Structure formats: structure tokens, C-alpha cells
Amino acid sequence: MLAPFFGKIYTTVLSFSILLFSNYIGNDPIFTNIYTESLENGIFISGYLESAYDNDFDDIFSSGIQIEVTFDLSVSHRNNILLKQSITNSVVWDSEFQYWIIQKEENPHSVAVNDILSLRHAMSSFETFLEINTTYYNVLDINISARLPVIYVAPVQKDIDLMILWKLKEPKARLRLNILEI
């Protein structure tokens, strides 16, 4: 009965001591596979954050602490911001059942996965519908960025900025959507 509890504490301490006291490699995430579709009442957009979790994240994902990634999107026309939206994906390790529980803000149902590749893929992808009347515009600019939070790690009593694992750089992408061509 106490085994999962102590296992969780051990994993947390081990994970973050590795992060704090080892040479980390870091990641250079970039946006890929960005897809947009313009409709009369909005824009569907999806994308993937490549190389976001390749190095150093496996132990962090298995720590039992909820980890989030937030995708920030903005739509503008001639440098005037028309719409801003943030989407958050989160994951937490369930040590009792030995799987990760993933929650995507745009999906009301959580998903359980038990392999790290599925976890990385789910945390790296996003899709959403941006409600905006596109009939008034011929060209829209879409900016996308991603960020990781600062988390508090109780066993070591420290706040840790997970952006350090992305070398303190937010990945960004900028698209120009030609409404008339779609």
C-alpha cells in the first residue's frame, strides 16, 4: 500500500536531482506539420512540436508532477491582433497503474498511454479551431509559440523553470494565410 507512495517520492527526487546536478543536453524544438484550413467562421489549425522532448524529459515525465506545455496562438491582420488563444496539454504519471494520463485542453477526455513515444507525440501536437469571421480578410498572419512552466519540486524545495530544457528559447512559427487562395 505504501510502495506506490515511496516509489513516487523516490522517482521525484531521482528525476530532479538528475536535472539539477547533471549535464543536461537540452532540446531545440521547432514547429512542423502545421496545417491550416480557412472556413467562413474561423480557422482550423494543427501542428507538431518536433524535438521538444528528445533529451532529459523521460525522468521528468515519470516524476509524478503534472507537466504542461502551452501553445499560444494569435491571428493578426496588418499588425492588428484580432484573436489570441492558448491551448494547454498536460501529463501526470500514475505510479499505481504505471501509465501517463494526458489531458488536452481542446479534448474533454483524458488519454492514458504507457509508452514514452506515444507520450511525446501527444504532448507535442495541438489542434484547435479559432473563431474569426474570415470573410472580411484576404490575408491573415498566424503566430504560434510554445512554453513550459515553472514547477515547484517539493522534495528538493525548489522552483524549476522547465524552459531551461528548451535552452530558455520559446519555439515560434509565423504563417501567412491567404484567404482568397483557400
N, C-alpha and C. Protein backbone atom coordinates (compact mmCIF):
# COMPACT_ATOMS: atom_id res chain seq x y z
N MET A 1 0.81 -1.19 0.00
CA MET A 1 0.00 0.00 0.00
C MET A 1 0.86 1.26 0.00
N LEU A 2 1.95 1.25 0.73
CA LEU A 2 2.84 2.40 0.76
C LEU A 2 3.88 2.37 -0.35
N ALA A 3 4.01 1.24 -1.02
CA ALA A 3 5.02 1.11 -2.07
C ALA A 3 4.85 2.14 -3.18
N PRO A 4 3.64 2.35 -3.71
CA PRO A 4 3.50 3.39 -4.75
C PRO A 4 3.86 4.78 -4.24
N PHE A 5 3.53 5.07 -2.98
CA PHE A 5 3.84 6.38 -2.40
C PHE A 5 5.34 6.59 -2.33
N PHE A 6 6.09 5.61 -1.78
CA PHE A 6 7.52 5.74 -1.67
C PHE A 6 8.20 5.69 -3.04
N GLY A 7 7.63 4.91 -3.94
CA GLY A 7 8.15 4.87 -5.30
C GLY A 7 8.03 6.22 -5.98
N LYS A 8 6.92 6.89 -5.74
CA LYS A 8 6.69 8.21 -6.33
C LYS A 8 7.69 9.22 -5.77
N ILE A 9 7.91 9.19 -4.45
CA ILE A 9 8.88 10.10 -3.84
C ILE A 9 10.28 9.83 -4.37
N TYR A 10 10.65 8.57 -4.44
CA TYR A 10 11.98 8.21 -4.94
C TYR A 10 12.16 8.69 -6.37
N THR A 11 11.16 8.45 -7.22
CA THR A 11 11.24 8.85 -8.62
C THR A 11 11.36 10.36 -8.75
N THR A 12 10.61 11.10 -7.93
CA THR A 12 10.65 12.56 -7.98
C THR A 12 12.03 13.07 -7.59
N VAL A 13 12.55 12.59 -6.48
CA VAL A 13 13.87 13.02 -6.02
C VAL A 13 14.93 12.65 -7.04
N LEU A 14 14.88 11.44 -7.55
CA LEU A 14 15.86 10.99 -8.53
C LEU A 14 15.78 11.83 -9.80
N SER A 15 14.58 12.06 -10.28
CA SER A 15 14.40 12.81 -11.52
C SER A 15 14.96 14.21 -11.44
N PHE A 16 14.62 14.91 -10.38
CA PHE A 16 15.04 16.29 -10.30
C PHE A 16 16.46 16.46 -9.81
N SER A 17 17.01 15.48 -9.14
CA SER A 17 18.43 15.57 -8.81
C SER A 17 19.24 15.37 -10.09
N ILE A 18 18.76 14.51 -10.98
CA ILE A 18 19.42 14.36 -12.28
C ILE A 18 19.38 15.68 -13.02
N LEU A 19 18.22 16.33 -13.02
CA LEU A 19 18.07 17.60 -13.70
C LEU A 19 18.97 18.67 -13.09
N LEU A 20 19.02 18.73 -11.76
CA LEU A 20 19.76 19.80 -11.10
C LEU A 20 21.26 19.58 -11.09
N PHE A 21 21.70 18.33 -11.03
CA PHE A 21 23.11 18.08 -10.79
C PHE A 21 23.84 17.39 -11.94
N SER A 22 23.19 17.21 -13.06
CA SER A 22 23.88 16.56 -14.16
C SER A 22 24.03 17.52 -15.32
N ASN A 23 24.78 17.09 -16.30
CA ASN A 23 24.91 17.87 -17.53
C ASN A 23 23.74 17.51 -18.42
N TYR A 24 22.85 18.44 -18.60
CA TYR A 24 21.72 18.17 -19.46
C TYR A 24 22.06 18.58 -20.88
N ILE A 25 21.42 17.95 -21.82
CA ILE A 25 21.68 18.23 -23.23
C ILE A 25 20.79 19.35 -23.72
N GLY A 26 19.55 19.33 -23.31
CA GLY A 26 18.61 20.34 -23.78
C GLY A 26 18.03 19.95 -25.13
N ASN A 27 17.01 20.66 -25.52
CA ASN A 27 16.30 20.37 -26.76
C ASN A 27 16.16 21.65 -27.58
N ASP A 28 16.03 21.48 -28.88
CA ASP A 28 15.81 22.59 -29.80
C ASP A 28 14.51 22.34 -30.55
N PRO A 29 13.38 22.55 -29.89
CA PRO A 29 12.10 22.25 -30.54
C PRO A 29 11.78 23.23 -31.67
N ILE A 30 11.15 22.69 -32.71
CA ILE A 30 10.68 23.53 -33.82
C ILE A 30 9.29 23.04 -34.23
N PHE A 31 8.50 23.96 -34.75
CA PHE A 31 7.16 23.59 -35.22
C PHE A 31 7.26 23.00 -36.62
N THR A 32 6.55 21.88 -36.81
CA THR A 32 6.49 21.23 -38.12
C THR A 32 5.04 20.81 -38.37
N ASN A 33 4.80 20.36 -39.58
CA ASN A 33 3.49 19.82 -39.96
C ASN A 33 2.35 20.75 -39.57
N ILE A 34 2.52 22.04 -39.77
CA ILE A 34 1.46 22.98 -39.45
C ILE A 34 0.45 22.97 -40.60
N TYR A 35 -0.79 22.77 -40.23
CA TYR A 35 -1.87 22.70 -41.21
C TYR A 35 -2.92 23.75 -40.85
N THR A 36 -3.36 24.49 -41.83
CA THR A 36 -4.44 25.46 -41.61
C THR A 36 -5.52 25.26 -42.65
N GLU A 37 -6.73 25.52 -42.22
CA GLU A 37 -7.85 25.49 -43.14
C GLU A 37 -8.78 26.64 -42.78
N SER A 38 -9.03 27.49 -43.76
CA SER A 38 -9.89 28.64 -43.55
C SER A 38 -11.33 28.28 -43.88
N LEU A 39 -12.20 28.59 -42.95
CA LEU A 39 -13.63 28.42 -43.13
C LEU A 39 -14.27 29.79 -42.92
N GLU A 40 -15.52 29.92 -43.29
CA GLU A 40 -16.19 31.21 -43.17
C GLU A 40 -16.22 31.73 -41.74
N ASN A 41 -16.38 30.85 -40.78
CA ASN A 41 -16.49 31.28 -39.39
C ASN A 41 -15.23 31.05 -38.56
N GLY A 42 -14.10 30.73 -39.21
CA GLY A 42 -12.88 30.56 -38.45
C GLY A 42 -11.79 29.81 -39.18
N ILE A 43 -10.77 29.49 -38.42
CA ILE A 43 -9.58 28.82 -38.95
C ILE A 43 -9.32 27.58 -38.12
N PHE A 44 -9.19 26.43 -38.78
CA PHE A 44 -8.73 25.21 -38.12
C PHE A 44 -7.22 25.21 -38.25
N ILE A 45 -6.54 24.94 -37.15
CA ILE A 45 -5.08 24.89 -37.19
C ILE A 45 -4.59 23.74 -36.34
N SER A 46 -3.59 23.05 -36.86
CA SER A 46 -2.95 21.97 -36.11
C SER A 46 -1.45 22.02 -36.39
N GLY A 47 -0.69 21.41 -35.51
CA GLY A 47 0.75 21.41 -35.69
C GLY A 47 1.42 20.45 -34.75
N TYR A 48 2.73 20.37 -34.91
CA TYR A 48 3.53 19.42 -34.13
C TYR A 48 4.82 20.12 -33.71
N LEU A 49 5.22 19.90 -32.48
CA LEU A 49 6.44 20.46 -31.93
C LEU A 49 7.53 19.38 -31.97
N GLU A 50 8.34 19.43 -32.99
CA GLU A 50 9.39 18.42 -33.23
C GLU A 50 10.56 18.63 -32.27
N SER A 51 11.13 17.55 -31.79
CA SER A 51 12.33 17.55 -30.93
C SER A 51 12.13 18.25 -29.59
N ALA A 52 10.92 18.33 -29.13
CA ALA A 52 10.65 19.04 -27.88
C ALA A 52 11.05 18.23 -26.65
N TYR A 53 10.93 16.92 -26.72
CA TYR A 53 11.13 16.09 -25.53
C TYR A 53 12.15 14.98 -25.75
N ASP A 54 13.05 15.17 -26.69
CA ASP A 54 14.02 14.12 -27.01
C ASP A 54 14.99 13.84 -25.87
N ASN A 55 15.51 14.87 -25.26
CA ASN A 55 16.52 14.71 -24.21
C ASN A 55 15.97 15.18 -22.87
N ASP A 56 16.31 14.49 -21.82
CA ASP A 56 16.11 14.93 -20.45
C ASP A 56 14.68 14.87 -19.92
N PHE A 57 13.69 14.59 -20.75
CA PHE A 57 12.31 14.66 -20.28
C PHE A 57 11.75 13.35 -19.74
N ASP A 58 12.29 12.22 -20.09
CA ASP A 58 11.70 10.94 -19.67
C ASP A 58 11.56 10.86 -18.15
N ASP A 59 12.61 11.21 -17.43
CA ASP A 59 12.56 11.17 -15.97
C ASP A 59 11.59 12.20 -15.41
N ILE A 60 11.53 13.36 -16.03
CA ILE A 60 10.63 14.41 -15.56
C ILE A 60 9.18 13.98 -15.76
N PHE A 61 8.88 13.40 -16.92
CA PHE A 61 7.51 12.92 -17.17
C PHE A 61 7.12 11.82 -16.18
N SER A 62 8.09 11.07 -15.70
CA SER A 62 7.81 9.96 -14.78
C SER A 62 7.87 10.37 -13.32
N SER A 63 8.01 11.65 -13.05
CA SER A 63 8.21 12.13 -11.67
C SER A 63 6.93 12.12 -10.83
N GLY A 64 5.77 12.12 -11.48
CA GLY A 64 4.52 12.22 -10.73
C GLY A 64 4.02 13.65 -10.61
N ILE A 65 4.83 14.62 -11.04
CA ILE A 65 4.43 16.02 -11.04
C ILE A 65 3.73 16.32 -12.36
N GLN A 66 2.64 17.06 -12.30
CA GLN A 66 1.95 17.42 -13.54
C GLN A 66 2.82 18.37 -14.36
N ILE A 67 3.05 18.00 -15.60
CA ILE A 67 3.87 18.79 -16.52
C ILE A 67 2.96 19.30 -17.64
N GLU A 68 3.11 20.57 -17.98
CA GLU A 68 2.27 21.17 -19.01
C GLU A 68 3.14 21.76 -20.12
N VAL A 69 2.54 21.84 -21.29
CA VAL A 69 3.08 22.65 -22.39
C VAL A 69 1.91 23.51 -22.87
N THR A 70 2.18 24.79 -23.07
CA THR A 70 1.15 25.71 -23.53
C THR A 70 1.52 26.23 -24.90
N PHE A 71 0.57 26.12 -25.82
CA PHE A 71 0.72 26.66 -27.16
C PHE A 71 -0.05 27.97 -27.22
N ASP A 72 0.62 29.04 -27.59
CA ASP A 72 -0.02 30.35 -27.71
C ASP A 72 -0.17 30.67 -29.19
N LEU A 73 -1.39 31.02 -29.59
CA LEU A 73 -1.68 31.35 -30.98
C LEU A 73 -2.26 32.76 -31.04
N SER A 74 -1.88 33.50 -32.07
CA SER A 74 -2.50 34.80 -32.30
C SER A 74 -2.73 34.96 -33.80
N VAL A 75 -3.82 35.63 -34.13
CA VAL A 75 -4.17 35.91 -35.51
C VAL A 75 -4.20 37.43 -35.66
N SER A 76 -3.52 37.93 -36.68
CA SER A 76 -3.49 39.37 -36.89
C SER A 76 -3.70 39.70 -38.37
N HIS A 77 -4.10 40.92 -38.58
CA HIS A 77 -4.28 41.45 -39.93
C HIS A 77 -3.64 42.83 -39.94
N ARG A 78 -2.63 43.00 -40.79
CA ARG A 78 -1.90 44.27 -40.89
C ARG A 78 -1.42 44.74 -39.52
N ASN A 79 -0.80 43.85 -38.79
CA ASN A 79 -0.22 44.11 -37.46
C ASN A 79 -1.24 44.43 -36.37
N ASN A 80 -2.52 44.25 -36.64
CA ASN A 80 -3.54 44.41 -35.61
C ASN A 80 -3.97 43.02 -35.15
N ILE A 81 -3.78 42.74 -33.87
CA ILE A 81 -4.14 41.42 -33.34
C ILE A 81 -5.66 41.31 -33.26
N LEU A 82 -6.19 40.29 -33.92
CA LEU A 82 -7.62 40.06 -33.95
C LEU A 82 -8.07 39.04 -32.91
N LEU A 83 -7.17 38.10 -32.60
CA LEU A 83 -7.55 37.00 -31.72
C LEU A 83 -6.31 36.39 -31.10
N LYS A 84 -6.41 36.05 -29.81
CA LYS A 84 -5.35 35.31 -29.11
C LYS A 84 -6.00 34.12 -28.43
N GLN A 85 -5.29 33.00 -28.45
CA GLN A 85 -5.80 31.80 -27.78
C GLN A 85 -4.62 30.97 -27.30
N SER A 86 -4.78 30.37 -26.12
CA SER A 86 -3.77 29.46 -25.58
C SER A 86 -4.39 28.09 -25.41
N ILE A 87 -3.60 27.07 -25.68
CA ILE A 87 -4.03 25.68 -25.55
C ILE A 87 -2.99 24.98 -24.68
N THR A 88 -3.44 24.22 -23.69
CA THR A 88 -2.51 23.53 -22.80
C THR A 88 -2.70 22.03 -22.87
N ASN A 89 -1.60 21.33 -23.03
CA ASN A 89 -1.56 19.87 -22.88
C ASN A 89 -0.86 19.59 -21.55
N SER A 90 -1.39 18.65 -20.79
CA SER A 90 -0.75 18.31 -19.52
C SER A 90 -0.65 16.79 -19.38
N VAL A 91 0.33 16.39 -18.57
CA VAL A 91 0.54 14.96 -18.33
C VAL A 91 0.95 14.76 -16.87
N VAL A 92 0.51 13.65 -16.32
CA VAL A 92 0.95 13.24 -14.99
C VAL A 92 1.12 11.72 -15.00
N TRP A 93 2.14 11.27 -14.31
CA TRP A 93 2.44 9.83 -14.20
C TRP A 93 1.62 9.23 -13.07
N ASP A 94 0.94 8.15 -13.36
CA ASP A 94 0.20 7.41 -12.35
C ASP A 94 1.06 6.22 -11.94
N SER A 95 1.71 6.34 -10.79
CA SER A 95 2.66 5.30 -10.37
C SER A 95 1.96 4.00 -9.96
N GLU A 96 0.71 4.11 -9.54
CA GLU A 96 -0.01 2.90 -9.13
C GLU A 96 -0.32 2.01 -10.35
N PHE A 97 -0.78 2.63 -11.43
CA PHE A 97 -1.16 1.85 -12.62
C PHE A 97 -0.09 1.85 -13.70
N GLN A 98 0.99 2.59 -13.48
CA GLN A 98 2.15 2.60 -14.38
C GLN A 98 1.80 3.10 -15.80
N TYR A 99 1.12 4.23 -15.86
CA TYR A 99 0.90 4.88 -17.16
C TYR A 99 0.77 6.39 -16.95
N TRP A 100 0.89 7.11 -18.07
CA TRP A 100 0.75 8.55 -18.06
C TRP A 100 -0.69 8.91 -18.42
N ILE A 101 -1.23 9.92 -17.77
CA ILE A 101 -2.55 10.42 -18.08
C ILE A 101 -2.37 11.78 -18.75
N ILE A 102 -2.82 11.87 -19.99
CA ILE A 102 -2.65 13.08 -20.79
C ILE A 102 -4.01 13.77 -20.92
N GLN A 103 -4.00 15.07 -20.68
CA GLN A 103 -5.20 15.87 -20.86
C GLN A 103 -4.87 17.00 -21.84
N LYS A 104 -5.65 17.06 -22.92
CA LYS A 104 -5.50 18.14 -23.88
C LYS A 104 -6.69 19.07 -23.72
N GLU A 105 -6.41 20.35 -23.63
CA GLU A 105 -7.45 21.33 -23.36
C GLU A 105 -8.58 21.29 -24.38
N GLU A 106 -8.24 21.02 -25.63
CA GLU A 106 -9.28 21.02 -26.67
C GLU A 106 -10.08 19.72 -26.72
N ASN A 107 -9.72 18.75 -25.87
CA ASN A 107 -10.43 17.47 -25.84
C ASN A 107 -10.89 17.21 -24.40
N PRO A 108 -12.19 17.01 -24.19
CA PRO A 108 -12.68 16.83 -22.82
C PRO A 108 -12.30 15.49 -22.18
N HIS A 109 -11.76 14.57 -22.96
CA HIS A 109 -11.43 13.24 -22.43
C HIS A 109 -9.92 13.10 -22.26
N SER A 110 -9.51 12.56 -21.13
CA SER A 110 -8.09 12.29 -20.94
C SER A 110 -7.74 10.96 -21.60
N VAL A 111 -6.46 10.79 -21.89
CA VAL A 111 -5.97 9.60 -22.56
C VAL A 111 -4.86 9.01 -21.70
N ALA A 112 -4.84 7.70 -21.57
CA ALA A 112 -3.79 7.02 -20.83
C ALA A 112 -2.86 6.32 -21.82
N VAL A 113 -1.56 6.52 -21.67
CA VAL A 113 -0.58 5.85 -22.52
C VAL A 113 0.48 5.24 -21.62
N ASN A 114 1.09 4.16 -22.10
CA ASN A 114 2.11 3.51 -21.29
C ASN A 114 3.47 3.44 -21.96
N ASP A 115 3.63 4.11 -23.10
CA ASP A 115 4.96 4.14 -23.70
C ASP A 115 5.37 5.58 -23.96
N ILE A 116 6.65 5.83 -23.82
CA ILE A 116 7.19 7.19 -23.88
C ILE A 116 7.03 7.83 -25.26
N LEU A 117 7.09 7.06 -26.32
CA LEU A 117 6.95 7.65 -27.66
C LEU A 117 5.54 8.19 -27.88
N SER A 118 4.52 7.46 -27.42
CA SER A 118 3.15 7.95 -27.51
C SER A 118 2.96 9.20 -26.67
N LEU A 119 3.58 9.21 -25.50
CA LEU A 119 3.51 10.38 -24.63
C LEU A 119 4.12 11.60 -25.31
N ARG A 120 5.33 11.46 -25.83
CA ARG A 120 6.00 12.57 -26.50
C ARG A 120 5.16 13.10 -27.66
N HIS A 121 4.60 12.18 -28.44
CA HIS A 121 3.79 12.59 -29.59
C HIS A 121 2.56 13.37 -29.13
N ALA A 122 1.87 12.87 -28.13
CA ALA A 122 0.65 13.53 -27.65
C ALA A 122 0.96 14.91 -27.06
N MET A 123 2.04 15.03 -26.33
CA MET A 123 2.37 16.33 -25.73
C MET A 123 2.88 17.32 -26.77
N SER A 124 3.35 16.84 -27.90
CA SER A 124 3.92 17.71 -28.93
C SER A 124 2.90 18.22 -29.94
N SER A 125 1.72 17.64 -29.97
CA SER A 125 0.75 18.00 -31.01
C SER A 125 -0.37 18.88 -30.44
N PHE A 126 -0.91 19.72 -31.32
CA PHE A 126 -2.05 20.54 -30.94
C PHE A 126 -2.97 20.70 -32.14
N GLU A 127 -4.22 20.97 -31.86
CA GLU A 127 -5.18 21.34 -32.89
C GLU A 127 -6.29 22.12 -32.22
N THR A 128 -6.79 23.10 -32.96
CA THR A 128 -7.87 23.92 -32.42
C THR A 128 -8.59 24.63 -33.55
N PHE A 129 -9.72 25.19 -33.21
CA PHE A 129 -10.49 26.00 -34.14
C PHE A 129 -10.54 27.41 -33.58
N LEU A 130 -10.06 28.37 -34.36
CA LEU A 130 -10.06 29.77 -33.95
C LEU A 130 -11.27 30.45 -34.58
N GLU A 131 -12.19 30.88 -33.74
CA GLU A 131 -13.41 31.52 -34.25
C GLU A 131 -13.12 32.95 -34.65
N ILE A 132 -13.19 33.19 -35.95
CA ILE A 132 -12.98 34.53 -36.50
C ILE A 132 -13.65 34.57 -37.87
N ASN A 133 -14.34 35.63 -38.16
CA ASN A 133 -15.02 35.76 -39.44
C ASN A 133 -13.98 36.08 -40.51
N THR A 134 -13.62 35.11 -41.31
CA THR A 134 -12.56 35.28 -42.31
C THR A 134 -13.04 35.97 -43.58
N THR A 135 -14.33 36.21 -43.75
CA THR A 135 -14.82 36.82 -44.99
C THR A 135 -14.38 38.27 -45.14
N TYR A 136 -13.94 38.91 -44.06
CA TYR A 136 -13.51 40.31 -44.11
C TYR A 136 -12.04 40.49 -44.48
N TYR A 137 -11.29 39.39 -44.58
CA TYR A 137 -9.85 39.49 -44.75
C TYR A 137 -9.39 38.66 -45.95
N ASN A 138 -8.36 39.16 -46.61
CA ASN A 138 -7.77 38.36 -47.68
C ASN A 138 -6.48 37.68 -47.23
N VAL A 139 -5.83 38.27 -46.22
CA VAL A 139 -4.60 37.70 -45.69
C VAL A 139 -4.62 37.84 -44.16
N LEU A 140 -4.25 36.76 -43.48
CA LEU A 140 -4.12 36.79 -42.03
C LEU A 140 -2.76 36.22 -41.65
N ASP A 141 -2.15 36.81 -40.64
CA ASP A 141 -0.89 36.29 -40.10
C ASP A 141 -1.20 35.51 -38.83
N ILE A 142 -0.60 34.34 -38.72
CA ILE A 142 -0.79 33.48 -37.55
C ILE A 142 0.57 33.28 -36.89
N ASN A 143 0.65 33.60 -35.61
CA ASN A 143 1.86 33.38 -34.83
C ASN A 143 1.59 32.28 -33.82
N ILE A 144 2.55 31.37 -33.72
CA ILE A 144 2.44 30.24 -32.80
C ILE A 144 3.72 30.19 -31.97
N SER A 145 3.56 29.98 -30.67
CA SER A 145 4.73 29.74 -29.82
C SER A 145 4.34 28.70 -28.78
N ALA A 146 5.34 28.16 -28.12
CA ALA A 146 5.10 27.16 -27.07
C ALA A 146 5.98 27.50 -25.88
N ARG A 147 5.48 27.13 -24.69
CA ARG A 147 6.24 27.40 -23.47
C ARG A 147 5.98 26.32 -22.43
N LEU A 148 6.95 26.17 -21.57
CA LEU A 148 6.87 25.24 -20.45
C LEU A 148 6.78 26.05 -19.16
N PRO A 149 6.20 25.48 -18.10
CA PRO A 149 6.02 26.24 -16.86
C PRO A 149 7.21 26.16 -15.92
N VAL A 150 7.14 26.99 -14.90
CA VAL A 150 7.99 26.83 -13.72
C VAL A 150 7.21 25.91 -12.80
N ILE A 151 7.86 24.88 -12.30
CA ILE A 151 7.19 23.94 -11.40
C ILE A 151 7.90 23.94 -10.04
N TYR A 152 7.14 23.65 -9.01
CA TYR A 152 7.72 23.52 -7.68
C TYR A 152 7.94 22.05 -7.39
N VAL A 153 9.15 21.72 -6.99
CA VAL A 153 9.51 20.34 -6.67
C VAL A 153 9.68 20.25 -5.16
N ALA A 154 8.67 19.69 -4.50
CA ALA A 154 8.64 19.66 -3.04
C ALA A 154 9.83 18.93 -2.42
N PRO A 155 10.24 17.74 -2.93
CA PRO A 155 11.34 17.03 -2.26
C PRO A 155 12.64 17.83 -2.21
N VAL A 156 12.89 18.69 -3.19
CA VAL A 156 14.12 19.49 -3.17
C VAL A 156 13.82 20.94 -2.82
N GLN A 157 12.56 21.26 -2.58
CA GLN A 157 12.09 22.59 -2.19
C GLN A 157 12.62 23.68 -3.11
N LYS A 158 12.42 23.47 -4.40
CA LYS A 158 12.89 24.44 -5.40
C LYS A 158 11.86 24.62 -6.50
N ASP A 159 11.83 25.84 -7.02
CA ASP A 159 11.11 26.09 -8.27
C ASP A 159 12.08 25.81 -9.41
N ILE A 160 11.60 25.11 -10.40
CA ILE A 160 12.43 24.80 -11.56
C ILE A 160 11.72 25.27 -12.81
N ASP A 161 12.40 26.11 -13.59
CA ASP A 161 11.87 26.59 -14.85
C ASP A 161 12.19 25.53 -15.91
N LEU A 162 11.16 24.84 -16.35
CA LEU A 162 11.38 23.78 -17.34
C LEU A 162 11.85 24.31 -18.68
N MET A 163 11.73 25.62 -18.91
CA MET A 163 12.23 26.19 -20.16
C MET A 163 13.75 26.02 -20.30
N ILE A 164 14.42 25.76 -19.20
CA ILE A 164 15.85 25.50 -19.29
C ILE A 164 16.13 24.29 -20.18
N LEU A 165 15.17 23.36 -20.22
CA LEU A 165 15.34 22.18 -21.06
C LEU A 165 15.11 22.48 -22.54
N TRP A 166 14.60 23.66 -22.82
CA TRP A 166 14.50 24.15 -24.21
C TRP A 166 15.49 25.27 -24.42
N LYS A 167 16.53 25.28 -23.60
CA LYS A 167 17.60 26.28 -23.69
C LYS A 167 17.06 27.70 -23.56
N LEU A 168 15.99 27.84 -22.76
CA LEU A 168 15.33 29.11 -22.47
C LEU A 168 14.81 29.82 -23.72
N LYS A 169 14.52 29.06 -24.78
CA LYS A 169 14.00 29.64 -26.02
C LYS A 169 12.63 29.07 -26.33
N GLU A 170 11.66 29.95 -26.51
CA GLU A 170 10.33 29.50 -26.94
C GLU A 170 10.37 29.22 -28.43
N PRO A 171 9.97 28.02 -28.84
CA PRO A 171 9.86 27.78 -30.29
C PRO A 171 8.73 28.64 -30.86
N LYS A 172 8.96 29.17 -32.05
CA LYS A 172 7.97 30.06 -32.67
C LYS A 172 7.82 29.73 -34.14
N ALA A 173 6.63 30.00 -34.64
CA ALA A 173 6.36 29.86 -36.07
C ALA A 173 5.44 31.00 -36.48
N ARG A 174 5.60 31.45 -37.70
CA ARG A 174 4.75 32.51 -38.24
C ARG A 174 4.28 32.07 -39.61
N LEU A 175 2.97 32.16 -39.83
CA LEU A 175 2.38 31.75 -41.10
C LEU A 175 1.60 32.90 -41.69
N ARG A 176 1.56 32.95 -42.98
CA ARG A 176 0.67 33.90 -43.67
C ARG A 176 -0.38 33.05 -44.37
N LEU A 177 -1.62 33.29 -44.00
CA LEU A 177 -2.74 32.54 -44.55
C LEU A 177 -3.45 33.42 -45.57
N ASN A 178 -3.40 33.00 -46.84
CA ASN A 178 -4.09 33.72 -47.91
C ASN A 178 -5.51 33.16 -48.00
N ILE A 179 -6.45 33.93 -47.57
CA ILE A 179 -7.84 33.51 -47.51
C ILE A 179 -8.41 33.27 -48.91
N LEU A 180 -8.06 34.12 -49.86
CA LEU A 180 -8.61 34.01 -51.19
C LEU A 180 -8.15 32.75 -51.92
N GLU A 181 -6.98 32.22 -51.54
CA GLU A 181 -6.45 31.04 -52.21
C GLU A 181 -7.07 29.76 -51.69
N ILE A 182 -7.70 29.81 -50.55
CA ILE A 182 -8.23 28.59 -49.93
C ILE A 182 -9.64 28.33 -50.34
